[in-house]
N, C-alpha and C. Protein backbone atom coordinates (compact mmCIF):
# COMPACT_ATOMS: atom_id res chain seq x y z
N MET A 1 95.80 77.69 101.92
CA MET A 1 96.64 78.86 101.73
C MET A 1 97.93 78.65 102.54
N SER A 2 99.03 78.92 101.93
CA SER A 2 100.31 78.78 102.62
C SER A 2 100.54 79.98 103.52
N ARG A 3 101.50 79.84 104.39
CA ARG A 3 101.85 80.95 105.28
C ARG A 3 102.42 82.09 104.43
N PRO A 4 101.82 83.26 104.54
CA PRO A 4 102.27 84.36 103.70
C PRO A 4 103.56 85.00 104.20
N VAL A 5 104.26 85.59 103.29
CA VAL A 5 105.39 86.46 103.60
C VAL A 5 105.12 87.74 102.81
N ILE A 6 104.91 88.82 103.53
CA ILE A 6 104.61 90.11 102.92
C ILE A 6 105.87 90.97 103.05
N ARG A 7 106.32 91.48 101.94
CA ARG A 7 107.52 92.32 101.97
C ARG A 7 107.14 93.76 101.66
N THR A 8 107.65 94.67 102.47
CA THR A 8 107.48 96.10 102.21
C THR A 8 108.87 96.67 101.98
N GLU A 9 108.96 97.96 101.89
CA GLU A 9 110.26 98.58 101.64
C GLU A 9 111.29 98.20 102.71
N ARG A 10 110.86 98.18 103.97
CA ARG A 10 111.82 97.93 105.06
C ARG A 10 111.53 96.68 105.88
N LEU A 11 110.38 96.05 105.66
CA LEU A 11 109.93 95.01 106.58
C LEU A 11 109.61 93.69 105.89
N VAL A 12 109.65 92.63 106.68
CA VAL A 12 109.12 91.34 106.28
C VAL A 12 108.05 91.00 107.31
N ILE A 13 106.84 90.76 106.83
CA ILE A 13 105.71 90.44 107.69
C ILE A 13 105.36 88.99 107.42
N ARG A 14 105.42 88.17 108.47
CA ARG A 14 105.35 86.72 108.30
C ARG A 14 104.55 86.09 109.43
N ALA A 15 104.23 84.82 109.23
CA ALA A 15 103.56 84.06 110.29
C ALA A 15 104.52 83.84 111.45
N PRO A 16 104.00 83.84 112.68
CA PRO A 16 104.85 83.58 113.84
C PRO A 16 105.40 82.16 113.83
N CYS A 17 106.49 81.95 114.57
CA CYS A 17 107.04 80.61 114.76
C CYS A 17 107.49 80.46 116.21
N PRO A 18 107.59 79.22 116.69
CA PRO A 18 107.96 79.00 118.10
C PRO A 18 109.30 79.64 118.47
N GLU A 19 110.21 79.75 117.52
CA GLU A 19 111.52 80.33 117.79
C GLU A 19 111.46 81.83 118.13
N ASP A 20 110.30 82.45 117.97
CA ASP A 20 110.13 83.87 118.28
C ASP A 20 109.95 84.14 119.77
N LEU A 21 109.81 83.08 120.57
CA LEU A 21 109.44 83.26 121.98
C LEU A 21 110.38 84.19 122.74
N ASP A 22 111.68 83.97 122.67
CA ASP A 22 112.60 84.79 123.46
C ASP A 22 112.53 86.26 123.06
N ARG A 23 112.43 86.52 121.78
CA ARG A 23 112.35 87.91 121.31
C ARG A 23 111.03 88.54 121.73
N CYS A 24 109.94 87.77 121.66
CA CYS A 24 108.65 88.28 122.14
C CYS A 24 108.73 88.62 123.62
N ALA A 25 109.33 87.72 124.40
CA ALA A 25 109.47 87.96 125.83
C ALA A 25 110.27 89.23 126.10
N GLU A 26 111.33 89.42 125.32
CA GLU A 26 112.16 90.62 125.49
C GLU A 26 111.37 91.89 125.20
N LEU A 27 110.68 91.92 124.07
CA LEU A 27 109.98 93.14 123.66
C LEU A 27 108.67 93.36 124.41
N LEU A 28 107.90 92.29 124.60
CA LEU A 28 106.62 92.41 125.30
C LEU A 28 106.80 92.45 126.81
N GLY A 29 107.99 92.12 127.29
CA GLY A 29 108.29 92.20 128.71
C GLY A 29 108.54 93.61 129.20
N ASP A 30 108.48 94.57 128.29
CA ASP A 30 108.63 95.99 128.60
C ASP A 30 107.24 96.52 128.99
N TYR A 31 107.10 97.00 130.21
CA TYR A 31 105.80 97.46 130.69
C TYR A 31 105.22 98.56 129.80
N GLU A 32 106.06 99.42 129.26
CA GLU A 32 105.57 100.50 128.40
C GLU A 32 104.89 99.95 127.14
N VAL A 33 105.28 98.78 126.69
CA VAL A 33 104.62 98.11 125.56
C VAL A 33 103.38 97.37 126.06
N ALA A 34 103.56 96.53 127.08
CA ALA A 34 102.47 95.67 127.57
C ALA A 34 101.26 96.47 128.06
N LYS A 35 101.49 97.62 128.67
CA LYS A 35 100.37 98.37 129.26
C LYS A 35 99.40 98.92 128.21
N MET A 36 99.83 99.00 126.96
CA MET A 36 98.95 99.51 125.91
C MET A 36 98.23 98.39 125.14
N LEU A 37 98.43 97.15 125.57
CA LEU A 37 97.84 95.99 124.89
C LEU A 37 96.77 95.35 125.76
N SER A 38 95.80 94.73 125.11
CA SER A 38 94.71 94.13 125.87
C SER A 38 95.06 92.77 126.45
N ARG A 39 95.80 91.93 125.73
CA ARG A 39 95.93 90.53 126.13
C ARG A 39 97.31 90.12 126.66
N VAL A 40 98.23 91.04 126.78
CA VAL A 40 99.59 90.69 127.21
C VAL A 40 99.75 90.97 128.70
N PRO A 41 100.11 89.94 129.47
CA PRO A 41 100.32 90.15 130.91
C PRO A 41 101.66 90.83 131.19
N TYR A 42 101.73 91.43 132.36
CA TYR A 42 103.01 91.96 132.84
C TYR A 42 103.16 91.51 134.28
N PRO A 43 104.28 90.89 134.64
CA PRO A 43 105.38 90.57 133.74
C PRO A 43 105.00 89.51 132.71
N TYR A 44 105.75 89.51 131.61
CA TYR A 44 105.49 88.56 130.52
C TYR A 44 105.62 87.14 131.04
N ASP A 45 104.70 86.28 130.67
CA ASP A 45 104.68 84.89 131.11
C ASP A 45 105.18 84.00 129.97
N LEU A 46 106.35 83.39 130.14
CA LEU A 46 106.95 82.57 129.08
C LEU A 46 106.06 81.40 128.67
N GLU A 47 105.44 80.73 129.62
CA GLU A 47 104.60 79.58 129.28
C GLU A 47 103.37 80.02 128.49
N GLN A 48 102.74 81.11 128.91
CA GLN A 48 101.60 81.63 128.15
C GLN A 48 102.05 82.06 126.75
N GLY A 49 103.23 82.66 126.66
CA GLY A 49 103.77 83.05 125.36
C GLY A 49 104.01 81.85 124.47
N ARG A 50 104.55 80.79 125.03
CA ARG A 50 104.80 79.55 124.27
C ARG A 50 103.48 78.99 123.74
N GLN A 51 102.46 78.96 124.60
CA GLN A 51 101.15 78.45 124.19
C GLN A 51 100.52 79.34 123.11
N TYR A 52 100.64 80.64 123.27
CA TYR A 52 100.09 81.57 122.29
C TYR A 52 100.76 81.37 120.93
N LEU A 53 102.08 81.25 120.92
CA LEU A 53 102.79 81.03 119.66
C LEU A 53 102.39 79.70 119.02
N ALA A 54 102.23 78.66 119.83
CA ALA A 54 101.81 77.36 119.30
C ALA A 54 100.43 77.46 118.64
N ARG A 55 99.51 78.17 119.29
CA ARG A 55 98.17 78.37 118.69
C ARG A 55 98.27 79.19 117.41
N SER A 56 99.13 80.20 117.43
CA SER A 56 99.30 81.06 116.25
C SER A 56 99.81 80.26 115.07
N VAL A 57 100.76 79.39 115.30
CA VAL A 57 101.30 78.54 114.24
C VAL A 57 100.20 77.61 113.72
N GLN A 58 99.45 77.00 114.64
CA GLN A 58 98.40 76.05 114.26
C GLN A 58 97.29 76.71 113.44
N ARG A 59 96.95 77.94 113.77
CA ARG A 59 95.87 78.62 113.03
C ARG A 59 96.19 78.77 111.55
N TRP A 60 97.47 78.90 111.20
CA TRP A 60 97.84 79.05 109.80
C TRP A 60 97.66 77.75 109.01
N GLU A 61 97.43 76.63 109.70
CA GLU A 61 97.21 75.36 109.00
C GLU A 61 95.84 75.28 108.35
N ASN A 62 94.88 76.08 108.85
CA ASN A 62 93.54 76.10 108.27
C ASN A 62 93.00 77.52 108.36
N VAL A 63 93.43 78.36 107.45
CA VAL A 63 93.09 79.78 107.47
C VAL A 63 91.58 80.00 107.38
N ALA A 64 90.90 79.23 106.56
CA ALA A 64 89.46 79.42 106.37
C ALA A 64 88.68 79.22 107.67
N GLU A 65 89.17 78.37 108.55
CA GLU A 65 88.47 78.08 109.81
C GLU A 65 89.00 78.92 110.97
N ALA A 66 90.10 79.61 110.79
CA ALA A 66 90.75 80.33 111.89
C ALA A 66 89.89 81.46 112.42
N ASP A 67 89.86 81.60 113.74
CA ASP A 67 89.17 82.72 114.36
C ASP A 67 90.08 83.94 114.47
N GLU A 68 91.38 83.69 114.40
CA GLU A 68 92.34 84.79 114.37
C GLU A 68 93.63 84.33 113.70
N LEU A 69 94.35 85.30 113.17
CA LEU A 69 95.64 85.05 112.52
C LEU A 69 96.62 86.11 112.97
N GLY A 70 97.84 85.67 113.27
CA GLY A 70 98.86 86.60 113.71
C GLY A 70 100.00 86.70 112.70
N PHE A 71 100.65 87.82 112.72
CA PHE A 71 101.84 88.08 111.91
C PHE A 71 102.92 88.62 112.82
N HIS A 72 104.15 88.34 112.49
CA HIS A 72 105.28 88.99 113.15
C HIS A 72 105.96 89.88 112.13
N VAL A 73 106.54 90.95 112.63
CA VAL A 73 107.15 91.96 111.79
C VAL A 73 108.66 91.94 112.04
N ASP A 74 109.41 91.72 110.98
CA ASP A 74 110.87 91.70 111.06
C ASP A 74 111.45 92.91 110.33
N HIS A 75 112.52 93.43 110.89
CA HIS A 75 113.30 94.50 110.25
C HIS A 75 114.76 94.08 110.32
N GLU A 76 115.39 94.06 109.17
CA GLU A 76 116.79 93.64 109.08
C GLU A 76 117.03 92.29 109.76
N GLY A 77 116.07 91.36 109.52
CA GLY A 77 116.19 89.99 110.01
C GLY A 77 115.89 89.80 111.49
N LYS A 78 115.35 90.81 112.14
CA LYS A 78 115.10 90.75 113.57
C LYS A 78 113.64 91.09 113.87
N LEU A 79 112.99 90.29 114.72
CA LEU A 79 111.61 90.54 115.12
C LEU A 79 111.52 91.86 115.88
N ILE A 80 110.63 92.75 115.42
CA ILE A 80 110.47 94.05 116.08
C ILE A 80 109.04 94.28 116.58
N GLY A 81 108.09 93.45 116.16
CA GLY A 81 106.71 93.66 116.58
C GLY A 81 105.79 92.62 115.98
N GLY A 82 104.51 92.86 116.16
CA GLY A 82 103.54 91.91 115.63
C GLY A 82 102.21 92.59 115.40
N LEU A 83 101.39 91.91 114.65
CA LEU A 83 100.01 92.33 114.49
C LEU A 83 99.16 91.11 114.24
N GLY A 84 97.90 91.26 114.53
CA GLY A 84 97.02 90.11 114.37
C GLY A 84 95.60 90.54 114.11
N PHE A 85 94.86 89.64 113.50
CA PHE A 85 93.45 89.84 113.22
C PHE A 85 92.67 88.83 114.05
N LYS A 86 91.76 89.31 114.88
CA LYS A 86 90.88 88.42 115.62
C LYS A 86 89.45 88.62 115.12
N LYS A 87 88.55 87.72 115.52
CA LYS A 87 87.15 87.75 115.09
C LYS A 87 87.04 87.62 113.57
N LEU A 88 87.85 86.74 113.00
CA LEU A 88 87.86 86.58 111.54
C LEU A 88 86.55 86.01 110.98
N GLN A 89 85.74 85.42 111.83
CA GLN A 89 84.47 84.89 111.35
C GLN A 89 83.36 85.94 111.47
N GLU A 90 83.73 87.15 111.92
CA GLU A 90 82.78 88.26 112.07
C GLU A 90 83.38 89.45 111.32
N THR A 91 83.38 90.64 111.98
CA THR A 91 84.13 91.79 111.46
C THR A 91 85.50 91.73 112.11
N PRO A 92 86.53 91.45 111.34
CA PRO A 92 87.86 91.29 111.95
C PRO A 92 88.33 92.56 112.65
N GLU A 93 89.01 92.34 113.78
CA GLU A 93 89.62 93.43 114.52
C GLU A 93 91.13 93.23 114.47
N ILE A 94 91.84 94.28 114.14
CA ILE A 94 93.30 94.20 114.08
C ILE A 94 93.88 94.82 115.34
N GLY A 95 94.92 94.17 115.84
CA GLY A 95 95.68 94.71 116.95
C GLY A 95 97.15 94.66 116.58
N TYR A 96 97.96 95.50 117.19
CA TYR A 96 99.37 95.53 116.82
C TYR A 96 100.21 96.01 117.99
N TRP A 97 101.48 95.66 117.92
CA TRP A 97 102.45 96.10 118.92
C TRP A 97 103.82 96.23 118.27
N LEU A 98 104.64 97.04 118.89
CA LEU A 98 105.98 97.28 118.39
C LEU A 98 106.91 97.45 119.59
N GLY A 99 108.06 96.80 119.54
CA GLY A 99 109.04 96.96 120.61
C GLY A 99 109.46 98.42 120.74
N ARG A 100 109.69 98.86 121.97
CA ARG A 100 109.98 100.28 122.21
C ARG A 100 111.16 100.84 121.42
N PRO A 101 112.25 100.07 121.20
CA PRO A 101 113.36 100.65 120.42
C PRO A 101 112.97 101.03 119.00
N TYR A 102 111.80 100.60 118.54
CA TYR A 102 111.40 100.81 117.15
C TYR A 102 110.27 101.83 117.01
N TRP A 103 109.87 102.43 118.12
CA TRP A 103 108.81 103.43 118.10
C TRP A 103 109.26 104.67 117.33
N GLY A 104 108.29 105.32 116.70
CA GLY A 104 108.54 106.61 116.08
C GLY A 104 109.29 106.57 114.76
N LYS A 105 109.41 105.41 114.16
CA LYS A 105 110.16 105.27 112.90
C LYS A 105 109.27 104.91 111.71
N GLY A 106 107.95 104.86 111.94
CA GLY A 106 107.01 104.55 110.87
C GLY A 106 106.88 103.07 110.56
N PHE A 107 107.51 102.21 111.36
CA PHE A 107 107.45 100.77 111.07
C PHE A 107 106.03 100.22 111.15
N MET A 108 105.28 100.58 112.20
CA MET A 108 103.95 99.98 112.34
C MET A 108 103.00 100.52 111.29
N SER A 109 103.12 101.77 110.90
CA SER A 109 102.27 102.28 109.82
C SER A 109 102.52 101.49 108.54
N GLU A 110 103.76 101.21 108.26
CA GLU A 110 104.13 100.44 107.07
C GLU A 110 103.59 99.01 107.16
N ALA A 111 103.74 98.39 108.32
CA ALA A 111 103.28 97.01 108.52
C ALA A 111 101.76 96.91 108.47
N LEU A 112 101.09 97.86 109.10
CA LEU A 112 99.62 97.81 109.15
C LEU A 112 99.02 97.94 107.76
N ARG A 113 99.51 98.87 106.97
CA ARG A 113 98.97 99.02 105.60
C ARG A 113 99.16 97.73 104.81
N ALA A 114 100.31 97.12 104.95
CA ALA A 114 100.58 95.88 104.20
C ALA A 114 99.68 94.74 104.67
N ALA A 115 99.50 94.61 105.97
CA ALA A 115 98.66 93.52 106.50
C ALA A 115 97.20 93.73 106.15
N VAL A 116 96.74 94.97 106.22
CA VAL A 116 95.36 95.27 105.83
C VAL A 116 95.16 94.93 104.35
N GLY A 117 96.11 95.31 103.52
CA GLY A 117 96.04 94.97 102.10
C GLY A 117 95.96 93.47 101.90
N TRP A 118 96.75 92.71 102.67
CA TRP A 118 96.72 91.25 102.56
C TRP A 118 95.34 90.70 102.90
N VAL A 119 94.74 91.21 103.98
CA VAL A 119 93.41 90.72 104.38
C VAL A 119 92.38 91.02 103.29
N PHE A 120 92.38 92.24 102.77
CA PHE A 120 91.41 92.58 101.75
C PHE A 120 91.65 91.81 100.44
N GLU A 121 92.87 91.46 100.15
CA GLU A 121 93.17 90.69 98.95
C GLU A 121 92.85 89.19 99.10
N ASN A 122 92.90 88.68 100.33
CA ASN A 122 92.80 87.24 100.54
C ASN A 122 91.55 86.78 101.27
N THR A 123 90.66 87.71 101.63
CA THR A 123 89.41 87.32 102.28
C THR A 123 88.27 88.11 101.65
N GLY A 124 87.07 87.76 101.99
CA GLY A 124 85.91 88.48 101.49
C GLY A 124 85.43 89.59 102.42
N HIS A 125 86.19 89.89 103.47
CA HIS A 125 85.76 90.91 104.42
C HIS A 125 85.66 92.27 103.76
N GLU A 126 84.60 92.99 104.10
CA GLU A 126 84.37 94.32 103.54
C GLU A 126 84.75 95.42 104.52
N ARG A 127 85.00 95.04 105.79
CA ARG A 127 85.27 96.04 106.82
C ARG A 127 86.21 95.44 107.86
N LEU A 128 87.12 96.27 108.36
CA LEU A 128 88.00 95.90 109.46
C LEU A 128 87.81 96.91 110.59
N ALA A 129 88.03 96.45 111.81
CA ALA A 129 87.95 97.34 112.97
C ALA A 129 89.29 97.34 113.70
N CYS A 130 89.50 98.39 114.46
CA CYS A 130 90.74 98.53 115.23
C CYS A 130 90.41 99.37 116.47
N GLU A 131 91.06 99.05 117.57
CA GLU A 131 90.86 99.83 118.79
C GLU A 131 92.21 100.21 119.37
N ALA A 132 92.28 101.40 119.93
CA ALA A 132 93.49 101.87 120.61
C ALA A 132 93.08 102.68 121.83
N MET A 133 93.80 102.47 122.92
CA MET A 133 93.51 103.22 124.13
C MET A 133 93.69 104.71 123.87
N THR A 134 92.78 105.51 124.44
CA THR A 134 92.82 106.95 124.19
C THR A 134 94.13 107.57 124.67
N GLU A 135 94.79 106.95 125.64
CA GLU A 135 96.06 107.49 126.13
C GLU A 135 97.25 107.07 125.27
N ASN A 136 96.97 106.46 124.12
CA ASN A 136 98.03 106.01 123.21
C ASN A 136 97.91 106.73 121.87
N PRO A 137 98.25 108.02 121.83
CA PRO A 137 98.08 108.78 120.59
C PRO A 137 98.90 108.24 119.42
N ALA A 138 100.04 107.61 119.69
CA ALA A 138 100.84 107.06 118.59
C ALA A 138 100.08 105.95 117.89
N SER A 139 99.39 105.09 118.64
CA SER A 139 98.62 104.01 118.04
C SER A 139 97.42 104.55 117.27
N ILE A 140 96.79 105.57 117.81
CA ILE A 140 95.66 106.19 117.12
C ILE A 140 96.14 106.79 115.80
N LYS A 141 97.31 107.41 115.81
CA LYS A 141 97.87 107.98 114.59
C LYS A 141 98.15 106.90 113.54
N VAL A 142 98.65 105.74 113.98
CA VAL A 142 98.89 104.63 113.06
C VAL A 142 97.58 104.22 112.38
N MET A 143 96.50 104.11 113.17
CA MET A 143 95.20 103.76 112.60
C MET A 143 94.77 104.78 111.56
N GLU A 144 94.88 106.05 111.91
CA GLU A 144 94.45 107.12 111.00
C GLU A 144 95.26 107.12 109.71
N LYS A 145 96.58 106.92 109.82
CA LYS A 145 97.43 106.90 108.63
C LYS A 145 97.06 105.75 107.69
N ALA A 146 96.55 104.66 108.27
CA ALA A 146 96.14 103.51 107.45
C ALA A 146 94.75 103.70 106.85
N GLY A 147 94.07 104.78 107.22
CA GLY A 147 92.76 105.06 106.66
C GLY A 147 91.59 104.72 107.57
N PHE A 148 91.85 104.21 108.77
CA PHE A 148 90.76 103.90 109.70
C PHE A 148 90.12 105.20 110.17
N ARG A 149 88.79 105.15 110.34
CA ARG A 149 88.05 106.32 110.81
C ARG A 149 87.37 106.00 112.12
N ALA A 150 87.48 106.90 113.09
CA ALA A 150 86.87 106.70 114.41
C ALA A 150 85.37 106.56 114.27
N VAL A 151 84.80 105.56 114.97
CA VAL A 151 83.36 105.35 114.96
C VAL A 151 82.77 105.41 116.36
N GLY A 152 83.63 105.49 117.38
CA GLY A 152 83.09 105.58 118.73
C GLY A 152 84.12 105.27 119.80
N GLU A 153 83.67 105.40 121.04
CA GLU A 153 84.51 105.08 122.18
C GLU A 153 84.06 103.75 122.76
N VAL A 154 85.02 102.97 123.21
CA VAL A 154 84.76 101.66 123.80
C VAL A 154 85.67 101.50 125.02
N GLY A 155 85.47 100.41 125.74
CA GLY A 155 86.36 100.06 126.83
C GLY A 155 87.31 98.98 126.36
N CYS A 156 88.58 99.10 126.73
CA CYS A 156 89.59 98.11 126.37
C CYS A 156 90.14 97.50 127.65
N ALA A 157 89.86 96.23 127.85
CA ALA A 157 90.35 95.54 129.03
C ALA A 157 91.85 95.26 128.87
N SER A 158 92.62 95.65 129.86
CA SER A 158 94.07 95.46 129.83
C SER A 158 94.46 94.42 130.88
N VAL A 159 94.99 93.28 130.41
CA VAL A 159 95.42 92.22 131.32
C VAL A 159 96.56 92.73 132.21
N SER A 160 97.51 93.45 131.62
CA SER A 160 98.68 93.90 132.38
C SER A 160 98.31 94.88 133.49
N ARG A 161 97.27 95.65 133.29
CA ARG A 161 96.85 96.64 134.28
C ARG A 161 95.72 96.15 135.17
N GLY A 162 95.02 95.10 134.71
CA GLY A 162 93.90 94.59 135.49
C GLY A 162 92.72 95.54 135.54
N GLU A 163 92.54 96.32 134.48
CA GLU A 163 91.42 97.25 134.43
C GLU A 163 91.02 97.52 132.98
N THR A 164 89.86 98.12 132.83
CA THR A 164 89.38 98.51 131.50
C THR A 164 89.62 100.00 131.34
N LEU A 165 90.18 100.34 130.19
CA LEU A 165 90.53 101.74 129.92
C LEU A 165 89.76 102.24 128.69
N PRO A 166 89.53 103.56 128.62
CA PRO A 166 88.84 104.10 127.44
C PRO A 166 89.67 103.92 126.18
N ALA A 167 88.98 103.62 125.10
CA ALA A 167 89.65 103.40 123.82
C ALA A 167 88.79 103.97 122.70
N ILE A 168 89.43 104.20 121.57
CA ILE A 168 88.76 104.65 120.34
C ILE A 168 88.62 103.44 119.43
N ARG A 169 87.42 103.21 118.93
CA ARG A 169 87.20 102.17 117.93
C ARG A 169 87.13 102.85 116.57
N SER A 170 87.89 102.31 115.64
CA SER A 170 87.92 102.85 114.28
C SER A 170 87.65 101.72 113.30
N GLU A 171 87.17 102.07 112.13
CA GLU A 171 86.88 101.08 111.11
C GLU A 171 87.41 101.55 109.76
N LEU A 172 87.65 100.57 108.90
CA LEU A 172 88.12 100.82 107.54
C LEU A 172 87.39 99.87 106.61
N THR A 173 86.80 100.42 105.55
CA THR A 173 86.13 99.56 104.57
C THR A 173 87.09 99.21 103.45
N ARG A 174 86.78 98.12 102.81
CA ARG A 174 87.57 97.69 101.65
C ARG A 174 87.60 98.81 100.59
N THR A 175 86.44 99.41 100.33
CA THR A 175 86.34 100.47 99.32
C THR A 175 87.25 101.64 99.67
N ASP A 176 87.19 102.10 100.93
CA ASP A 176 88.03 103.23 101.34
C ASP A 176 89.52 102.86 101.23
N PHE A 177 89.87 101.64 101.62
CA PHE A 177 91.26 101.23 101.55
C PHE A 177 91.75 101.21 100.09
N LEU A 178 90.95 100.60 99.22
CA LEU A 178 91.34 100.50 97.83
C LEU A 178 91.38 101.86 97.12
N ASN A 179 90.57 102.80 97.63
CA ASN A 179 90.55 104.15 97.06
C ASN A 179 91.60 105.05 97.72
N GLY A 180 92.36 104.51 98.66
CA GLY A 180 93.45 105.26 99.28
C GLY A 180 93.03 106.25 100.34
N HIS A 181 91.85 106.05 100.94
CA HIS A 181 91.40 106.99 101.98
C HIS A 181 91.86 106.58 103.33
């Protein structure tokens, strides 16, 4: 499978590339963004970012074997956020982030629906999971708008904070997604 390019009304959702590093550092280097994510350190570490992007690029070379796949989200030719699917050999879990200047504009809701559609169209998975910290109502709203339904509370380990925080786990089935729920 080639690297996908998903186009929505306002966005281009694509595979990451090494040239994204500086923009990732700029957007993920904002503590207000990093503190709501599980795997992003604060302050942002350029070398870790470089390694993560290299792994992300490599995973697209063999999608069937990949344990996770990442996408970057562009608006008007500029990287504004990302999303990724981990645990692809199990029940995939989606995670997402958006640079603070782009909050509240519906970009992540648009990107998430498109990426979820791509996964259901291109894999045999029947269910996706998503988690968001309970103190992040905007992220929970994005999940709900995409059709995810809360199934329980979990702990979300945050690298940037060095602690585990309460989170909501939600799931979406292929059937519910295709039926528009």
